[in-house]
Structure formats: structure tokens, C-alpha cells
């Protein structure tokens, strides 16, 4: 029981650290995109329009993928035999939900950090 509780705490901390680690990447991506949109304020370029469309569609698909992944994990909730097992499934759902957004965020940060962007 104590080992299970410690493992649950460790996973919760790892999930919280994962959220925190996304912060600098999110800040960079947002600042870069805002700067691009500001430069194109009066006369959007085709590349700027494509980036804006990409920004919206990626968020929608990451949210959908994360929701589906979390739902798959939570569908096993009826199999949880203890409160710790149920809490573990909730942490696993959080991990599954954040994964698609984290993957896209890091890919965008890499792409937007290339010179010439």
C-alpha cells in the first residue's frame, strides 16, 4: 500500500513537471507567432495565413486526440479495485491527454526557431 501511494505521488509529480516543462516552449511559440501576426497586420501573406490556419487546426486536433486518449484510459475506471488504483488511472488519463499537445508544441518550437522564420 505504501509503495503504491509513493508510486502514485511520483507519477503526479512527473505529470506536474511535464506541464511546467511545457511553459518555456509555449511562451516561445506564442511570442513568435504574435510577432509574425503583428508584422503582417495590414497585409497578411499567404505564409502568414497558412500559419494561422495551422495554429488553429493543430490545437483542435491535439485537443481531440488528447480527449480520446484520456477517455480510453478512463474507460477502465470500473476495473479499479482501490482508491489508489482509481487515482492512478486519473493520472494516466492526464498523461495521455497532454501527450499530443506536448508533441505538437515541441515540434512547433523547433520549426519556428529555424532561421528565416
Protein backbone atom coordinates (compact mmCIF):
# COMPACT_ATOMS: atom_id res chain seq x y z
CA UNK A 1 0.00 0.00 0.00
CA UNK A 2 2.73 2.48 0.93
CA UNK A 3 4.67 1.60 -2.21
CA UNK A 4 1.55 2.15 -4.35
CA UNK A 5 0.94 5.51 -2.71
CA UNK A 6 4.54 6.58 -3.26
CA UNK A 7 4.36 5.50 -6.92
CA UNK A 8 1.14 7.49 -7.36
CA UNK A 9 2.79 10.56 -5.83
CA UNK A 10 5.83 10.13 -8.10
CA UNK A 11 3.63 9.94 -11.18
CA UNK A 12 1.63 13.00 -10.10
CA UNK A 13 4.84 14.96 -9.65
CA UNK A 14 6.11 13.81 -13.05
CA UNK A 15 2.84 14.96 -14.66
CA UNK A 16 3.08 18.35 -12.92
CA UNK A 17 6.71 18.69 -14.01
CA UNK A 18 5.66 17.81 -17.56
CA UNK A 19 3.16 20.67 -17.53
CA UNK A 20 5.77 23.04 -16.13
CA UNK A 21 8.33 21.97 -18.75
CA UNK A 22 5.90 22.98 -21.50
CA UNK A 23 5.87 26.60 -20.28
CA UNK A 24 9.03 27.89 -21.97
CA UNK A 25 8.12 26.18 -25.25
CA UNK A 26 4.59 27.61 -25.15
CA UNK A 27 5.91 31.08 -24.40
CA UNK A 28 8.35 30.92 -27.29
CA UNK A 29 5.76 29.64 -29.76
CA UNK A 30 3.20 32.25 -28.71
CA UNK A 31 5.70 35.11 -28.84
CA UNK A 32 6.97 34.04 -32.26
CA UNK A 33 3.50 33.72 -33.71
CA UNK A 34 2.33 37.02 -32.23
CA UNK A 35 5.39 38.75 -33.71
CA UNK A 36 4.63 37.21 -37.11
CA UNK A 37 0.98 38.28 -36.96
CA UNK A 38 1.98 41.80 -35.88
CA UNK A 39 4.38 42.15 -38.82
CA UNK A 40 1.60 41.12 -41.20
CA UNK A 41 -1.17 43.14 -39.51
CA UNK A 42 -2.32 45.13 -42.53
CA UNK A 43 -1.26 42.84 -45.35
CA UNK A 44 -1.27 39.14 -44.48
CA UNK A 45 0.96 36.97 -46.63
CA UNK A 46 -0.06 33.53 -47.85
CA UNK A 47 2.51 32.03 -45.46
CA UNK A 48 1.03 34.02 -42.58
CA UNK A 49 -2.49 32.87 -43.37
CA UNK A 50 -1.27 29.27 -43.62
CA UNK A 51 0.46 29.58 -40.23
CA UNK A 52 -2.72 30.97 -38.64
CA UNK A 53 -4.78 28.13 -40.09
CA UNK A 54 -2.18 25.61 -38.95
CA UNK A 55 -2.19 27.10 -35.46
CA UNK A 56 -5.95 26.63 -35.09
CA UNK A 57 -6.18 23.20 -36.70
CA UNK A 58 -3.28 21.81 -34.64
CA UNK A 59 -4.90 22.95 -31.41
CA UNK A 60 -8.20 21.37 -32.36
CA UNK A 61 -6.67 18.06 -33.37
CA UNK A 62 -4.38 17.92 -30.30
CA UNK A 63 -7.35 18.59 -28.02
CA UNK A 64 -9.40 15.91 -29.75
CA UNK A 65 -6.58 13.35 -29.70
CA UNK A 66 -5.88 14.08 -26.04
CA UNK A 67 -9.54 13.75 -25.13
CA UNK A 68 -9.87 10.43 -26.94
CA UNK A 69 -6.69 9.10 -25.31
CA UNK A 70 -7.86 10.19 -21.86
CA UNK A 71 -11.26 8.63 -22.50
CA UNK A 72 -9.64 5.31 -23.39
CA UNK A 73 -7.75 5.31 -20.10
CA UNK A 74 -10.78 6.38 -18.07
CA UNK A 75 -12.92 3.67 -19.64
CA UNK A 76 -11.01 1.25 -17.40
CA UNK A 77 -12.15 3.07 -14.24
CA UNK A 78 -14.71 0.39 -13.37
CA UNK A 79 -11.81 -2.08 -13.10
CA UNK A 80 -10.07 -0.04 -10.39
CA UNK A 81 -10.28 -2.02 -7.17
CA UNK A 82 -8.87 0.59 -4.79
CA UNK A 83 -8.94 4.38 -4.50
CA UNK A 84 -5.20 4.43 -5.28
CA UNK A 85 -5.81 2.43 -8.45
CA UNK A 86 -8.57 4.87 -9.46
CA UNK A 87 -6.28 7.83 -8.78
CA UNK A 88 -3.58 6.13 -10.84
CA UNK A 89 -5.99 5.89 -13.77
CA UNK A 90 -6.77 9.59 -13.44
CA UNK A 91 -3.06 10.42 -13.55
CA UNK A 92 -2.67 8.14 -16.56
CA UNK A 93 -5.57 9.94 -18.24
CA UNK A 94 -3.82 13.26 -17.63
CA UNK A 95 -0.61 11.87 -19.10
CA UNK A 96 -2.47 10.61 -22.17
CA UNK A 97 -4.34 13.89 -22.60
CA UNK A 98 -1.24 16.07 -22.51
CA UNK A 99 0.90 13.91 -24.83
CA UNK A 100 -0.48 15.12 -28.21
CA UNK A 101 -0.33 18.79 -27.20
CA UNK A 102 3.22 18.41 -25.86
CA UNK A 103 4.35 16.68 -29.04
CA UNK A 104 2.92 19.43 -31.27
CA UNK A 105 4.19 22.21 -29.03
CA UNK A 106 7.77 20.96 -29.18
CA UNK A 107 7.57 20.39 -32.93
CA UNK A 108 6.31 23.95 -33.41
CA UNK A 109 9.07 25.36 -31.23
CA UNK A 110 11.67 23.50 -33.33
CA UNK A 111 10.10 24.62 -36.61
CA UNK A 112 9.64 28.24 -35.56
CA UNK A 113 13.18 28.50 -34.15
CA UNK A 114 14.78 27.80 -37.50
CA UNK A 115 16.37 30.84 -39.07
CA UNK A 116 14.37 32.65 -41.70
CA UNK A 117 11.04 32.26 -39.89
